Amino acid sequence: MESVKFIEFSEIMKHFLHFAVLSIVALSATAILPSWSGLLSAKSAPILLSQNVNFKPPDVTAPDNRQGATHRGTTCQNDLSIVPLIPPSNSGLTVTDSPTFFAYVSQAATPVEFTLQIKDTQGTKIYQTAFTVDKPGVVGVKIPTDGDNKKSLEVGKEYQWSFAVICNPEQAKLGDRSGDYFVEGYVQRIEPESTLKSELANNPDPMARAIAYAKNEIWYDTVATLAQMRRKAPNDAKLTAEWRQLLQSQKLDSVADKPLVQSF
């Protein structure tokens, strides 16, 4: 009789332990599954690179806005156009002593003159170069950092730059440049804030640097960094989208899809 009771008790205990184990497994699965579903949903969320570089220009002033700083001589061809890559304010910031300036030139075989000068009463010339555009597109002019022609921008000073095409050579020989087609804009070099310095020093990734420049309202270095990336990977769709979004944000829709061609 006692052995029968013992067997019944053993069976009851086995069923109890089996039920307890199943309950623990079920509770564990309930606790684990939400975290796994969160991980899966996080991985499946699309990464939109075009949301990264969001440039908002600082509150700066210039003598003319972008449209007002364009002059076309009466003898210039109607289909010739130069569009500088600059915010509507016609002014921008840089933290480098040798920034790059970009402009779209609409015609091939166009001789262009670039000039950089201090914005002062004397208009002290800092750098000047001339080049010919092989094909229509966006060209970049970088202030030289080495050699006999090395130049540099000083912190706190404002500079004026221009892209010009001589439309009336005979008139230009006499010193009259009123017949030129030219666009001009402004740049000021500033000392980067400590947070930006830290971001740049600790992150060599060019996209991260472009994002940092844009976040800190540094136009020229944002554009130059993206342009350098696009030259290295011209078929990268995400970089193309970044470039387009940046230019469109500054009302440069007409040149947002134009190719990057030459650097000088």
Protein backbone atom coordinates (compact mmCIF):
# COMPACT_ATOMS: atom_id res chain seq x y z
CA MET A 1 0.00 0.00 0.00
CA GLU A 2 2.79 2.40 0.90
CA SER A 3 4.61 1.58 -2.35
CA VAL A 4 1.48 2.43 -4.35
CA LYS A 5 1.20 5.82 -2.59
CA PHE A 6 4.86 6.45 -3.26
CA ILE A 7 4.43 5.73 -6.98
CA GLU A 8 1.41 8.06 -7.16
CA PHE A 9 3.35 10.78 -5.37
CA SER A 10 6.29 10.32 -7.76
CA GLU A 11 3.99 10.65 -10.78
CA ILE A 12 2.44 13.81 -9.33
CA MET A 13 5.90 15.32 -8.75
CA LYS A 14 7.01 14.48 -12.29
CA HIS A 15 3.95 16.22 -13.73
CA PHE A 16 4.52 19.21 -11.45
CA LEU A 17 8.18 19.56 -12.40
CA HIS A 18 7.33 19.19 -16.11
CA PHE A 19 4.71 21.94 -15.83
CA ALA A 20 7.12 24.19 -13.91
CA VAL A 21 9.84 23.78 -16.55
CA LEU A 22 7.38 24.57 -19.36
CA SER A 23 6.20 27.69 -17.49
CA ILE A 24 9.77 28.95 -17.03
CA VAL A 25 10.57 28.40 -20.73
CA ALA A 26 7.40 30.23 -21.76
CA LEU A 27 8.15 33.20 -19.52
CA SER A 28 11.75 33.38 -20.78
CA ALA A 29 10.59 33.36 -24.39
CA THR A 30 8.10 36.12 -23.66
CA ALA A 31 10.86 38.25 -22.17
CA ILE A 32 13.33 37.59 -24.97
CA LEU A 33 11.08 37.91 -28.02
CA PRO A 34 10.34 41.66 -27.69
CA SER A 35 14.04 42.50 -27.62
CA TRP A 36 14.68 40.32 -30.67
CA SER A 37 11.76 41.92 -32.53
CA GLY A 38 13.18 45.33 -31.63
CA LEU A 39 16.55 44.36 -33.06
CA LEU A 40 14.97 43.03 -36.24
CA SER A 41 12.86 46.14 -36.73
CA ALA A 42 15.91 48.35 -36.10
CA LYS A 43 17.92 46.48 -38.71
CA SER A 44 15.16 46.67 -41.28
CA ALA A 45 14.69 50.44 -40.93
CA PRO A 46 16.14 52.19 -44.00
CA ILE A 47 19.13 54.49 -43.52
CA LEU A 48 18.49 57.69 -45.45
CA LEU A 49 21.89 59.24 -46.13
CA SER A 50 20.29 62.32 -47.67
CA GLN A 51 19.04 63.32 -44.21
CA ASN A 52 22.56 63.66 -42.88
CA VAL A 53 24.05 66.77 -44.46
CA ASN A 54 21.61 69.50 -43.48
CA PHE A 55 23.12 72.93 -44.05
CA LYS A 56 21.52 76.06 -42.69
CA PRO A 57 23.44 79.23 -43.58
CA PRO A 58 24.46 81.56 -40.75
CA ASP A 59 22.97 85.01 -40.40
CA VAL A 60 25.58 86.89 -42.41
CA THR A 61 25.30 89.85 -44.74
CA ALA A 62 26.96 90.66 -48.06
CA PRO A 63 26.85 93.77 -50.27
CA ASP A 64 24.77 91.86 -52.83
CA ASN A 65 22.78 88.66 -52.84
CA ARG A 66 23.74 85.89 -55.25
CA GLN A 67 21.58 87.18 -58.08
CA GLY A 68 22.62 90.81 -57.63
CA ALA A 69 26.32 89.91 -57.73
CA THR A 70 26.15 88.77 -61.38
CA HIS A 71 27.09 91.09 -64.25
CA ARG A 72 26.76 90.34 -67.96
CA GLY A 73 28.47 92.56 -70.52
CA THR A 74 26.48 93.54 -73.59
CA THR A 75 28.72 91.54 -75.93
CA CYS A 76 28.56 88.28 -73.97
CA GLN A 77 26.80 85.33 -75.57
CA ASN A 78 23.27 84.81 -74.37
CA ASP A 79 23.80 81.11 -73.65
CA LEU A 80 26.87 81.74 -71.48
CA SER A 81 26.20 81.45 -67.78
CA ILE A 82 28.26 81.09 -64.62
CA VAL A 83 26.49 80.00 -61.45
CA PRO A 84 28.54 80.15 -58.25
CA LEU A 85 27.91 77.45 -55.65
CA ILE A 86 27.11 79.76 -52.76
CA PRO A 87 24.05 80.31 -50.50
CA PRO A 88 21.55 83.00 -51.54
CA SER A 89 23.21 85.45 -49.12
CA ASN A 90 26.26 85.30 -51.44
CA SER A 91 28.56 84.75 -48.47
CA GLY A 92 29.90 81.75 -46.59
CA LEU A 93 32.35 80.59 -43.92
CA THR A 94 35.45 78.40 -43.95
CA VAL A 95 37.77 77.09 -41.26
CA THR A 96 40.65 76.32 -43.63
CA ASP A 97 43.33 78.70 -44.86
CA SER A 98 43.00 77.36 -48.42
CA PRO A 99 39.33 76.85 -49.33
CA THR A 100 37.98 75.70 -52.68
CA PHE A 101 35.49 77.76 -54.70
CA PHE A 102 33.00 76.17 -57.07
CA ALA A 103 31.00 77.47 -60.01
CA TYR A 104 29.04 76.02 -62.89
CA VAL A 105 30.20 77.15 -66.36
CA SER A 106 27.74 76.45 -69.18
CA GLN A 107 30.04 76.45 -72.23
CA ALA A 108 33.03 74.36 -73.27
CA ALA A 109 36.28 76.05 -74.30
CA THR A 110 35.48 79.03 -72.07
CA PRO A 111 38.48 80.97 -70.69
CA VAL A 112 37.77 81.88 -67.08
CA GLU A 113 39.64 84.13 -64.70
CA PHE A 114 39.40 83.59 -60.95
CA THR A 115 40.40 86.32 -58.47
CA LEU A 116 40.52 86.43 -54.68
CA GLN A 117 41.10 89.69 -52.86
CA ILE A 118 40.75 91.14 -49.39
CA LYS A 119 37.52 93.00 -48.86
CA ASP A 120 39.01 96.39 -48.04
CA THR A 121 39.24 99.83 -49.60
CA GLN A 122 42.34 98.85 -51.58
CA GLY A 123 40.97 95.52 -52.79
CA THR A 124 44.31 93.86 -52.10
CA LYS A 125 44.68 90.94 -54.48
CA ILE A 126 45.58 87.62 -52.81
CA TYR A 127 45.38 85.12 -55.65
CA GLN A 128 44.55 85.07 -59.35
CA THR A 129 44.54 82.28 -61.92
CA ALA A 130 43.19 81.69 -65.42
CA PHE A 131 41.99 78.43 -66.96
CA THR A 132 39.91 77.06 -69.81
CA VAL A 133 36.86 74.89 -69.21
CA ASP A 134 36.99 71.73 -71.35
CA LYS A 135 33.29 70.92 -71.08
CA PRO A 136 30.22 72.33 -69.33
CA GLY A 137 29.99 71.51 -65.65
CA VAL A 138 31.03 72.48 -62.15
CA VAL A 139 34.66 73.54 -61.76
CA GLY A 140 36.58 74.02 -58.54
CA VAL A 141 39.43 76.43 -57.79
CA LYS A 142 41.52 75.73 -54.71
CA ILE A 143 43.79 78.32 -53.14
CA PRO A 144 47.31 76.83 -53.42
CA THR A 145 48.86 75.44 -50.24
CA ASP A 146 52.42 74.87 -51.42
CA GLY A 147 55.00 76.05 -53.91
CA ASP A 148 55.99 79.59 -54.79
CA ASN A 149 52.36 80.58 -55.24
CA LYS A 150 51.26 79.53 -51.75
CA LYS A 151 48.54 81.72 -50.28
CA SER A 152 46.42 81.55 -47.16
CA LEU A 153 43.36 83.22 -45.69
CA GLU A 154 43.64 84.82 -42.28
CA VAL A 155 41.21 84.19 -39.45
CA GLY A 156 38.70 87.01 -39.01
CA LYS A 157 39.24 88.62 -42.42
CA GLU A 158 36.60 88.75 -45.14
CA TYR A 159 37.55 88.17 -48.76
CA GLN A 160 35.85 88.75 -52.09
CA TRP A 161 36.20 86.29 -54.97
CA SER A 162 35.07 86.36 -58.59
CA PHE A 163 34.79 84.15 -61.68
CA ALA A 164 35.01 86.24 -64.85
CA VAL A 165 34.89 85.71 -68.62
CA ILE A 166 36.26 88.39 -70.93
CA CYS A 167 33.59 88.94 -73.58
CA ASN A 168 35.23 91.99 -75.21
CA PRO A 169 39.02 91.44 -75.44
CA GLU A 170 39.74 94.76 -77.11
CA GLN A 171 37.89 96.64 -74.41
CA ALA A 172 39.66 94.60 -71.71
CA LYS A 173 43.09 95.48 -73.20
CA LEU A 174 42.31 99.11 -72.50
CA GLY A 175 41.60 98.30 -68.87
CA ASP A 176 37.82 98.44 -69.22
CA ARG A 177 36.30 95.26 -67.79
CA SER A 178 32.69 96.42 -67.89
CA GLY A 179 32.08 94.12 -70.85
CA ASP A 180 32.94 91.00 -68.84
CA TYR A 181 30.58 88.35 -67.60
CA PHE A 182 31.38 87.88 -63.92
CA VAL A 183 29.96 86.57 -60.67
CA GLU A 184 31.32 87.37 -57.25
CA GLY A 185 30.85 86.37 -53.66
CA TYR A 186 32.41 86.51 -50.21
CA VAL A 187 34.18 84.22 -47.79
CA GLN A 188 35.34 84.64 -44.22
CA ARG A 189 37.69 82.34 -42.38
CA ILE A 190 36.80 81.70 -38.75
CA GLU A 191 38.39 79.76 -35.94
CA PRO A 192 36.44 76.51 -35.41
CA GLU A 193 34.74 76.07 -32.06
CA SER A 194 36.10 73.46 -29.70
CA THR A 195 33.27 71.02 -30.42
CA LEU A 196 33.94 71.15 -34.17
CA LYS A 197 37.68 70.81 -33.60
CA SER A 198 37.04 67.69 -31.56
CA GLU A 199 34.71 66.19 -34.16
CA LEU A 200 37.21 66.78 -36.96
CA ALA A 201 40.19 65.50 -34.96
CA ASN A 202 38.46 62.31 -33.85
CA ASN A 203 36.66 61.38 -37.06
CA PRO A 204 38.59 60.88 -40.29
CA ASP A 205 35.49 59.67 -42.15
CA PRO A 206 34.76 62.27 -44.88
CA MET A 207 30.98 61.97 -44.64
CA ALA A 208 31.09 62.53 -40.89
CA ARG A 209 33.27 65.59 -41.51
CA ALA A 210 30.83 66.95 -44.10
CA ILE A 211 27.99 66.51 -41.61
CA ALA A 212 30.01 68.31 -38.93
CA TYR A 213 30.81 71.23 -41.25
CA ALA A 214 27.15 71.56 -42.29
CA LYS A 215 25.95 71.40 -38.69
CA ASN A 216 28.33 74.23 -37.82
CA GLU A 217 27.28 76.40 -40.80
CA ILE A 218 30.63 76.07 -42.61
CA TRP A 219 29.58 76.25 -46.27
CA TYR A 220 32.81 76.11 -48.26
CA ASP A 221 34.21 73.10 -46.41
CA THR A 222 30.90 71.23 -46.59
CA VAL A 223 30.80 71.60 -50.39
CA ALA A 224 34.51 70.83 -50.84
CA THR A 225 34.31 67.64 -48.75
CA LEU A 226 31.29 66.31 -50.64
CA ALA A 227 32.87 67.26 -53.99
CA GLN A 228 36.04 65.35 -53.12
CA MET A 229 33.98 62.29 -52.20
CA ARG A 230 32.01 62.49 -55.45
CA ARG A 231 35.18 62.72 -57.55
CA LYS A 232 36.44 59.50 -55.94
CA ALA A 233 33.09 57.73 -56.39
CA PRO A 234 31.25 59.45 -59.27
CA ASN A 235 28.71 56.63 -59.64
CA ASP A 236 27.72 56.48 -55.98
CA ALA A 237 23.96 57.13 -55.96
CA LYS A 238 23.88 58.11 -52.27
CA LEU A 239 26.62 60.72 -52.71
CA THR A 240 24.83 62.07 -55.78
CA ALA A 241 21.65 62.40 -53.72
CA GLU A 242 23.57 64.17 -50.93
CA TRP A 243 25.08 66.64 -53.39
CA ARG A 244 21.72 67.33 -55.04
CA GLN A 245 19.96 67.82 -51.70
CA LEU A 246 22.64 70.23 -50.47
CA LEU A 247 22.49 72.42 -53.58
CA GLN A 248 18.71 72.37 -53.73
CA SER A 249 18.57 73.49 -50.09
CA GLN A 250 20.35 76.68 -51.19
CA LYS A 251 18.10 77.23 -54.24
CA LEU A 252 20.71 75.97 -56.68
CA ASP A 253 18.29 73.59 -58.40
CA SER A 254 19.40 74.61 -61.90
CA VAL A 255 22.89 73.17 -61.33
CA ALA A 256 22.16 70.45 -58.76
CA ASP A 257 22.52 67.68 -61.36
CA LYS A 258 25.40 69.15 -63.35
CA PRO A 259 28.61 67.06 -63.43
CA LEU A 260 31.78 67.89 -61.57
CA VAL A 261 34.37 68.40 -64.29
CA GLN A 262 37.70 70.08 -63.55
CA SER A 263 39.75 71.26 -60.60
CA PHE A 264 42.32 74.03 -60.74
